[in-house]
């Protein structure tokens, strides 16, 4: 099971994160996300634990725990496809709502109703 760890201190290392989770079971992989420009941690990472039961225990025990003066958050990581699907469906819903607001007849009226400014001859 893949877990997402958020709100890590920028100074926290992969070894420290791995040690936290190994106390609750076998860790298959540990990855901190690094900023390409600065080379420092972005404050979040991923842990993979092969046994779902151990992963659930780790979530329960470590979510909300203080690590390096930060309260970390731990949850099951969502697959990229699930996140992308949610974003796409949210965008489609938003677009359809925007299109529903303006009726086709109203669009035609706004195009033909303005015929330009007429001068009343007051400007010299």
N, C-alpha and C. Protein backbone atom coordinates (compact mmCIF):
# COMPACT_ATOMS: atom_id res chain seq x y z
N UNK A 1 0.85 -1.18 0.00
CA UNK A 1 0.00 0.00 0.00
C UNK A 1 0.89 1.23 0.00
N UNK A 2 0.55 2.18 -0.85
CA UNK A 2 1.33 3.41 -0.95
C UNK A 2 0.71 4.49 -0.07
N UNK A 3 1.54 5.13 0.74
CA UNK A 3 1.08 6.16 1.66
C UNK A 3 1.68 7.51 1.30
N UNK A 4 0.92 8.55 1.54
CA UNK A 4 1.36 9.92 1.32
C UNK A 4 1.64 10.54 2.68
N UNK A 5 2.83 11.12 2.83
CA UNK A 5 3.19 11.80 4.08
C UNK A 5 3.34 13.28 3.76
N UNK A 6 2.58 14.12 4.43
CA UNK A 6 2.61 15.57 4.18
C UNK A 6 3.05 16.32 5.43
N UNK A 7 3.42 17.57 5.21
CA UNK A 7 3.82 18.50 6.27
C UNK A 7 5.09 18.05 6.98
N UNK A 8 6.00 17.47 6.21
CA UNK A 8 7.31 17.11 6.77
C UNK A 8 8.17 18.36 6.85
N UNK A 9 9.03 18.42 7.85
CA UNK A 9 10.00 19.51 7.92
C UNK A 9 10.94 19.38 6.73
N UNK A 10 11.37 20.49 6.19
CA UNK A 10 12.26 20.47 5.02
C UNK A 10 13.59 19.79 5.35
N UNK A 11 13.92 19.74 6.61
CA UNK A 11 15.19 19.13 7.02
C UNK A 11 15.08 17.62 7.26
N UNK A 12 13.86 17.07 7.23
CA UNK A 12 13.67 15.64 7.47
C UNK A 12 14.24 14.83 6.31
N UNK A 13 14.97 13.78 6.63
CA UNK A 13 15.60 12.95 5.60
C UNK A 13 14.78 11.69 5.33
N UNK A 14 15.09 11.04 4.19
CA UNK A 14 14.42 9.78 3.86
C UNK A 14 14.69 8.72 4.93
N UNK A 15 15.91 8.70 5.46
CA UNK A 15 16.28 7.71 6.48
C UNK A 15 15.41 7.90 7.73
N UNK A 16 15.15 9.13 8.11
CA UNK A 16 14.32 9.40 9.29
C UNK A 16 12.88 8.96 9.05
N UNK A 17 12.36 9.25 7.86
CA UNK A 17 10.99 8.86 7.54
C UNK A 17 10.88 7.34 7.49
N UNK A 18 11.85 6.71 6.85
CA UNK A 18 11.86 5.24 6.76
C UNK A 18 11.87 4.62 8.15
N UNK A 19 12.69 5.16 9.06
CA UNK A 19 12.78 4.62 10.42
C UNK A 19 11.44 4.74 11.16
N UNK A 20 10.73 5.87 10.95
CA UNK A 20 9.41 6.06 11.57
C UNK A 20 8.45 4.93 11.17
N UNK A 21 8.44 4.63 9.88
CA UNK A 21 7.49 3.66 9.36
C UNK A 21 7.93 2.23 9.61
N UNK A 22 9.22 1.97 9.64
CA UNK A 22 9.71 0.61 9.89
C UNK A 22 9.35 0.13 11.29
N UNK A 23 9.08 1.05 12.20
CA UNK A 23 8.64 0.68 13.54
C UNK A 23 7.26 0.01 13.49
N UNK A 24 6.54 0.17 12.37
CA UNK A 24 5.19 -0.39 12.25
C UNK A 24 5.08 -1.49 11.20
N UNK A 25 6.19 -1.82 10.55
CA UNK A 25 6.16 -2.90 9.56
C UNK A 25 7.23 -2.72 8.51
N UNK A 26 7.22 -3.61 7.54
CA UNK A 26 8.22 -3.60 6.48
C UNK A 26 7.95 -2.44 5.52
N UNK A 27 9.02 -1.70 5.16
CA UNK A 27 8.92 -0.61 4.20
C UNK A 27 9.58 -1.06 2.91
N UNK A 28 8.79 -1.04 1.84
CA UNK A 28 9.30 -1.44 0.54
C UNK A 28 10.09 -0.32 -0.12
N UNK A 29 9.58 0.92 -0.04
CA UNK A 29 10.29 2.07 -0.60
C UNK A 29 9.92 3.33 0.15
N UNK A 30 10.82 4.31 0.08
CA UNK A 30 10.62 5.60 0.72
C UNK A 30 11.16 6.67 -0.23
N UNK A 31 10.32 7.64 -0.54
CA UNK A 31 10.72 8.70 -1.48
C UNK A 31 10.26 10.05 -0.96
N UNK A 32 11.20 10.97 -0.78
CA UNK A 32 10.84 12.35 -0.48
C UNK A 32 10.88 13.13 -1.80
N UNK A 33 9.97 14.06 -1.96
CA UNK A 33 9.92 14.86 -3.18
C UNK A 33 10.84 16.07 -2.98
N UNK A 34 11.77 16.22 -3.92
CA UNK A 34 12.81 17.24 -3.83
C UNK A 34 12.58 18.35 -4.84
N UNK A 35 12.76 19.59 -4.42
CA UNK A 35 12.67 20.74 -5.31
C UNK A 35 13.90 20.75 -6.22
N UNK A 36 13.68 20.79 -7.53
CA UNK A 36 14.79 20.73 -8.48
C UNK A 36 15.72 21.94 -8.39
N UNK A 37 15.17 23.11 -8.13
CA UNK A 37 16.00 24.32 -8.09
C UNK A 37 16.85 24.39 -6.83
N UNK A 38 16.23 24.19 -5.68
CA UNK A 38 16.95 24.36 -4.41
C UNK A 38 17.62 23.07 -3.93
N UNK A 39 17.13 21.92 -4.38
CA UNK A 39 17.68 20.64 -3.94
C UNK A 39 17.22 20.23 -2.55
N UNK A 40 16.25 20.95 -1.99
CA UNK A 40 15.73 20.62 -0.66
C UNK A 40 14.37 19.93 -0.79
N UNK A 41 13.94 19.33 0.29
CA UNK A 41 12.66 18.64 0.34
C UNK A 41 11.52 19.64 0.14
N UNK A 42 10.46 19.19 -0.52
CA UNK A 42 9.25 20.01 -0.67
C UNK A 42 8.30 19.83 0.50
N UNK A 43 8.65 18.94 1.43
CA UNK A 43 7.82 18.77 2.62
C UNK A 43 6.83 17.63 2.54
N UNK A 44 6.95 16.80 1.51
CA UNK A 44 6.08 15.62 1.45
C UNK A 44 6.80 14.48 0.74
N UNK A 45 6.25 13.28 0.90
CA UNK A 45 6.87 12.11 0.29
C UNK A 45 5.93 10.93 0.31
N UNK A 46 6.46 9.79 -0.14
CA UNK A 46 5.67 8.57 -0.25
C UNK A 46 6.40 7.40 0.39
N UNK A 47 5.64 6.52 1.00
CA UNK A 47 6.14 5.28 1.59
C UNK A 47 5.31 4.16 0.98
N UNK A 48 5.97 3.07 0.62
CA UNK A 48 5.24 1.88 0.18
C UNK A 48 5.47 0.78 1.18
N UNK A 49 4.37 0.21 1.66
CA UNK A 49 4.42 -0.90 2.60
C UNK A 49 3.67 -2.07 1.97
N UNK A 50 4.32 -3.24 1.84
CA UNK A 50 3.70 -4.36 1.13
C UNK A 50 2.46 -4.95 1.82
N UNK A 51 2.37 -4.84 3.13
CA UNK A 51 1.24 -5.43 3.85
C UNK A 51 0.24 -4.32 4.23
N UNK A 52 -0.96 -4.37 3.68
CA UNK A 52 -1.96 -3.34 3.98
C UNK A 52 -2.28 -3.18 5.46
N UNK A 53 -2.26 -4.27 6.21
CA UNK A 53 -2.54 -4.19 7.64
C UNK A 53 -1.50 -3.35 8.37
N UNK A 54 -0.24 -3.56 8.03
CA UNK A 54 0.84 -2.76 8.64
C UNK A 54 0.73 -1.30 8.22
N UNK A 55 0.36 -1.08 6.96
CA UNK A 55 0.22 0.30 6.47
C UNK A 55 -0.90 1.02 7.22
N UNK A 56 -2.01 0.32 7.46
CA UNK A 56 -3.13 0.94 8.19
C UNK A 56 -2.74 1.27 9.62
N UNK A 57 -1.96 0.41 10.24
CA UNK A 57 -1.47 0.68 11.60
C UNK A 57 -0.56 1.90 11.58
N UNK A 58 0.32 1.97 10.58
CA UNK A 58 1.23 3.12 10.47
C UNK A 58 0.45 4.42 10.30
N UNK A 59 -0.60 4.39 9.48
CA UNK A 59 -1.43 5.58 9.30
C UNK A 59 -2.03 6.00 10.63
N UNK A 60 -2.61 5.04 11.33
CA UNK A 60 -3.27 5.32 12.61
C UNK A 60 -2.29 5.88 13.64
N UNK A 61 -1.09 5.30 13.69
CA UNK A 61 -0.12 5.70 14.72
C UNK A 61 0.63 6.99 14.38
N UNK A 62 0.85 7.26 13.09
CA UNK A 62 1.71 8.39 12.71
C UNK A 62 0.96 9.62 12.25
N UNK A 63 -0.28 9.48 11.81
CA UNK A 63 -1.04 10.66 11.38
C UNK A 63 -1.28 11.57 12.59
N UNK A 64 -0.84 12.81 12.48
CA UNK A 64 -0.98 13.76 13.57
C UNK A 64 0.18 13.77 14.54
N UNK A 65 1.21 12.95 14.28
CA UNK A 65 2.36 12.89 15.17
C UNK A 65 3.31 14.05 14.88
N UNK A 66 3.95 14.56 15.93
CA UNK A 66 4.92 15.64 15.76
C UNK A 66 6.28 15.05 15.40
N UNK A 67 6.83 15.49 14.28
CA UNK A 67 8.14 15.06 13.81
C UNK A 67 8.91 16.31 13.43
N UNK A 68 10.04 16.54 14.07
CA UNK A 68 10.88 17.72 13.81
C UNK A 68 10.06 19.01 13.91
N UNK A 69 9.25 19.12 14.93
CA UNK A 69 8.43 20.28 15.24
C UNK A 69 7.30 20.54 14.23
N UNK A 70 6.99 19.56 13.39
CA UNK A 70 5.86 19.65 12.47
C UNK A 70 4.89 18.51 12.77
N UNK A 71 3.61 18.78 12.66
CA UNK A 71 2.60 17.74 12.80
C UNK A 71 2.40 17.14 11.41
N UNK A 72 2.83 15.89 11.23
CA UNK A 72 2.73 15.27 9.91
C UNK A 72 1.35 14.70 9.69
N UNK A 73 0.98 14.57 8.41
CA UNK A 73 -0.28 13.95 8.02
C UNK A 73 0.04 12.75 7.15
N UNK A 74 -0.58 11.65 7.45
CA UNK A 74 -0.33 10.40 6.72
C UNK A 74 -1.67 9.85 6.27
N UNK A 75 -1.76 9.50 4.98
CA UNK A 75 -2.98 8.88 4.46
C UNK A 75 -2.61 7.99 3.27
N UNK A 76 -3.57 7.18 2.87
CA UNK A 76 -3.36 6.32 1.70
C UNK A 76 -3.25 7.22 0.48
N UNK A 77 -2.23 6.98 -0.34
CA UNK A 77 -2.04 7.76 -1.56
C UNK A 77 -3.04 7.32 -2.60
N UNK A 78 -3.62 8.28 -3.32
CA UNK A 78 -4.53 7.97 -4.41
C UNK A 78 -3.71 7.73 -5.67
N UNK A 79 -4.21 6.86 -6.52
CA UNK A 79 -3.56 6.63 -7.80
C UNK A 79 -3.70 7.88 -8.66
N UNK A 80 -2.73 8.13 -9.53
CA UNK A 80 -2.79 9.30 -10.40
C UNK A 80 -4.04 9.32 -11.24
N UNK A 81 -4.44 8.17 -11.76
CA UNK A 81 -5.62 8.13 -12.62
C UNK A 81 -6.86 8.57 -11.87
N UNK A 82 -7.00 8.23 -10.58
CA UNK A 82 -8.16 8.65 -9.78
C UNK A 82 -8.17 10.16 -9.62
N UNK A 83 -7.01 10.74 -9.35
CA UNK A 83 -6.91 12.18 -9.16
C UNK A 83 -7.22 12.89 -10.46
N UNK A 84 -6.66 12.41 -11.58
CA UNK A 84 -6.90 13.02 -12.88
C UNK A 84 -8.37 12.94 -13.26
N UNK A 85 -9.01 11.79 -12.97
CA UNK A 85 -10.43 11.65 -13.28
C UNK A 85 -11.27 12.65 -12.50
N UNK A 86 -10.93 12.86 -11.24
CA UNK A 86 -11.67 13.83 -10.43
C UNK A 86 -11.51 15.23 -11.01
N UNK A 87 -10.28 15.59 -11.40
CA UNK A 87 -10.03 16.91 -11.96
C UNK A 87 -10.79 17.10 -13.27
N UNK A 88 -10.77 16.10 -14.13
CA UNK A 88 -11.47 16.19 -15.41
C UNK A 88 -12.97 16.32 -15.18
N UNK A 89 -13.54 15.50 -14.28
CA UNK A 89 -14.98 15.57 -14.03
C UNK A 89 -15.35 16.92 -13.41
N UNK A 90 -14.51 17.46 -12.55
CA UNK A 90 -14.79 18.77 -11.97
C UNK A 90 -14.77 19.84 -13.04
N UNK A 91 -13.82 19.78 -13.96
CA UNK A 91 -13.74 20.76 -15.04
C UNK A 91 -14.94 20.65 -15.97
N UNK A 92 -15.38 19.45 -16.29
CA UNK A 92 -16.54 19.25 -17.16
C UNK A 92 -17.78 19.81 -16.50
N UNK A 93 -17.97 19.53 -15.20
CA UNK A 93 -19.13 20.05 -14.48
C UNK A 93 -19.14 21.56 -14.48
N UNK A 94 -17.98 22.18 -14.27
CA UNK A 94 -17.87 23.64 -14.23
C UNK A 94 -18.20 24.23 -15.59
N UNK A 95 -17.66 23.64 -16.66
CA UNK A 95 -17.93 24.13 -18.01
C UNK A 95 -19.40 24.01 -18.37
N UNK A 96 -20.03 22.89 -18.02
CA UNK A 96 -21.44 22.72 -18.36
C UNK A 96 -22.30 23.73 -17.60
N UNK A 97 -21.95 24.03 -16.36
CA UNK A 97 -22.69 25.02 -15.58
C UNK A 97 -22.54 26.40 -16.19
N UNK A 98 -21.33 26.74 -16.67
CA UNK A 98 -21.11 28.04 -17.31
C UNK A 98 -21.97 28.16 -18.55
N UNK A 99 -22.02 27.10 -19.36
CA UNK A 99 -22.78 27.12 -20.59
C UNK A 99 -24.28 27.19 -20.33
N UNK A 100 -24.74 26.63 -19.21
CA UNK A 100 -26.16 26.66 -18.89
C UNK A 100 -26.62 28.05 -18.49
N UNK A 101 -25.74 28.88 -18.00
CA UNK A 101 -26.11 30.21 -17.51
C UNK A 101 -26.57 31.13 -18.63
N UNK A 102 -25.94 31.04 -19.80
CA UNK A 102 -26.29 31.92 -20.91
C UNK A 102 -27.06 31.10 -21.93
N UNK A 103 -28.30 31.48 -22.16
CA UNK A 103 -29.13 30.76 -23.11
C UNK A 103 -28.80 31.25 -24.52
N UNK A 104 -28.97 30.40 -25.52
CA UNK A 104 -28.64 30.78 -26.90
C UNK A 104 -29.38 32.02 -27.38
N UNK A 105 -30.67 32.18 -27.04
CA UNK A 105 -31.43 33.35 -27.49
C UNK A 105 -30.86 34.63 -26.91
N UNK A 106 -30.37 34.57 -25.65
CA UNK A 106 -29.79 35.75 -25.03
C UNK A 106 -28.50 36.15 -25.72
N UNK A 107 -27.74 35.17 -26.19
CA UNK A 107 -26.51 35.46 -26.91
C UNK A 107 -26.82 36.23 -28.19
N UNK A 108 -27.88 35.81 -28.92
CA UNK A 108 -28.25 36.48 -30.16
C UNK A 108 -28.68 37.91 -29.89
N UNK A 109 -29.43 38.16 -28.84
CA UNK A 109 -29.89 39.50 -28.51
C UNK A 109 -28.71 40.43 -28.23
N UNK A 110 -27.72 39.95 -27.50
CA UNK A 110 -26.59 40.81 -27.18
C UNK A 110 -25.77 41.14 -28.41
N UNK A 111 -25.73 40.25 -29.39
CA UNK A 111 -24.96 40.51 -30.61
C UNK A 111 -25.66 41.56 -31.47
N UNK A 112 -26.98 41.51 -31.58
CA UNK A 112 -27.69 42.38 -32.50
C UNK A 112 -28.24 43.64 -31.85
N UNK A 113 -28.27 43.72 -30.53
CA UNK A 113 -28.89 44.87 -29.88
C UNK A 113 -28.04 46.13 -29.95
N UNK A 114 -26.73 46.02 -30.04
CA UNK A 114 -25.87 47.20 -30.07
C UNK A 114 -25.62 47.59 -31.53
N UNK A 115 -26.01 48.79 -31.89
CA UNK A 115 -25.86 49.23 -33.27
C UNK A 115 -24.89 50.41 -33.39
N UNK A 116 -24.18 50.70 -32.33
CA UNK A 116 -23.17 51.77 -32.39
C UNK A 116 -23.67 53.05 -31.76
N UNK A 117 -22.76 53.97 -31.54
CA UNK A 117 -23.10 55.25 -30.93
C UNK A 117 -23.54 56.24 -32.01
N UNK A 118 -24.56 56.99 -31.70
CA UNK A 118 -25.02 58.00 -32.64
C UNK A 118 -24.63 59.36 -32.10
N UNK A 119 -24.09 60.18 -32.94
CA UNK A 119 -23.68 61.51 -32.53
C UNK A 119 -24.88 62.43 -32.58
N UNK A 120 -25.03 63.27 -31.57
CA UNK A 120 -26.14 64.21 -31.52
C UNK A 120 -25.68 65.60 -31.96
N UNK A 121 -24.48 65.68 -32.46
CA UNK A 121 -24.00 66.94 -33.00
C UNK A 121 -23.53 67.93 -31.94
N UNK A 122 -23.34 67.51 -30.74
CA UNK A 122 -22.93 68.43 -29.68
C UNK A 122 -21.42 68.64 -29.66
N UNK A 123 -20.68 67.73 -30.22
CA UNK A 123 -19.23 67.85 -30.22
C UNK A 123 -18.80 68.69 -31.42
N UNK A 124 -17.90 69.64 -31.22
CA UNK A 124 -17.42 70.48 -32.33
C UNK A 124 -15.96 70.28 -32.54
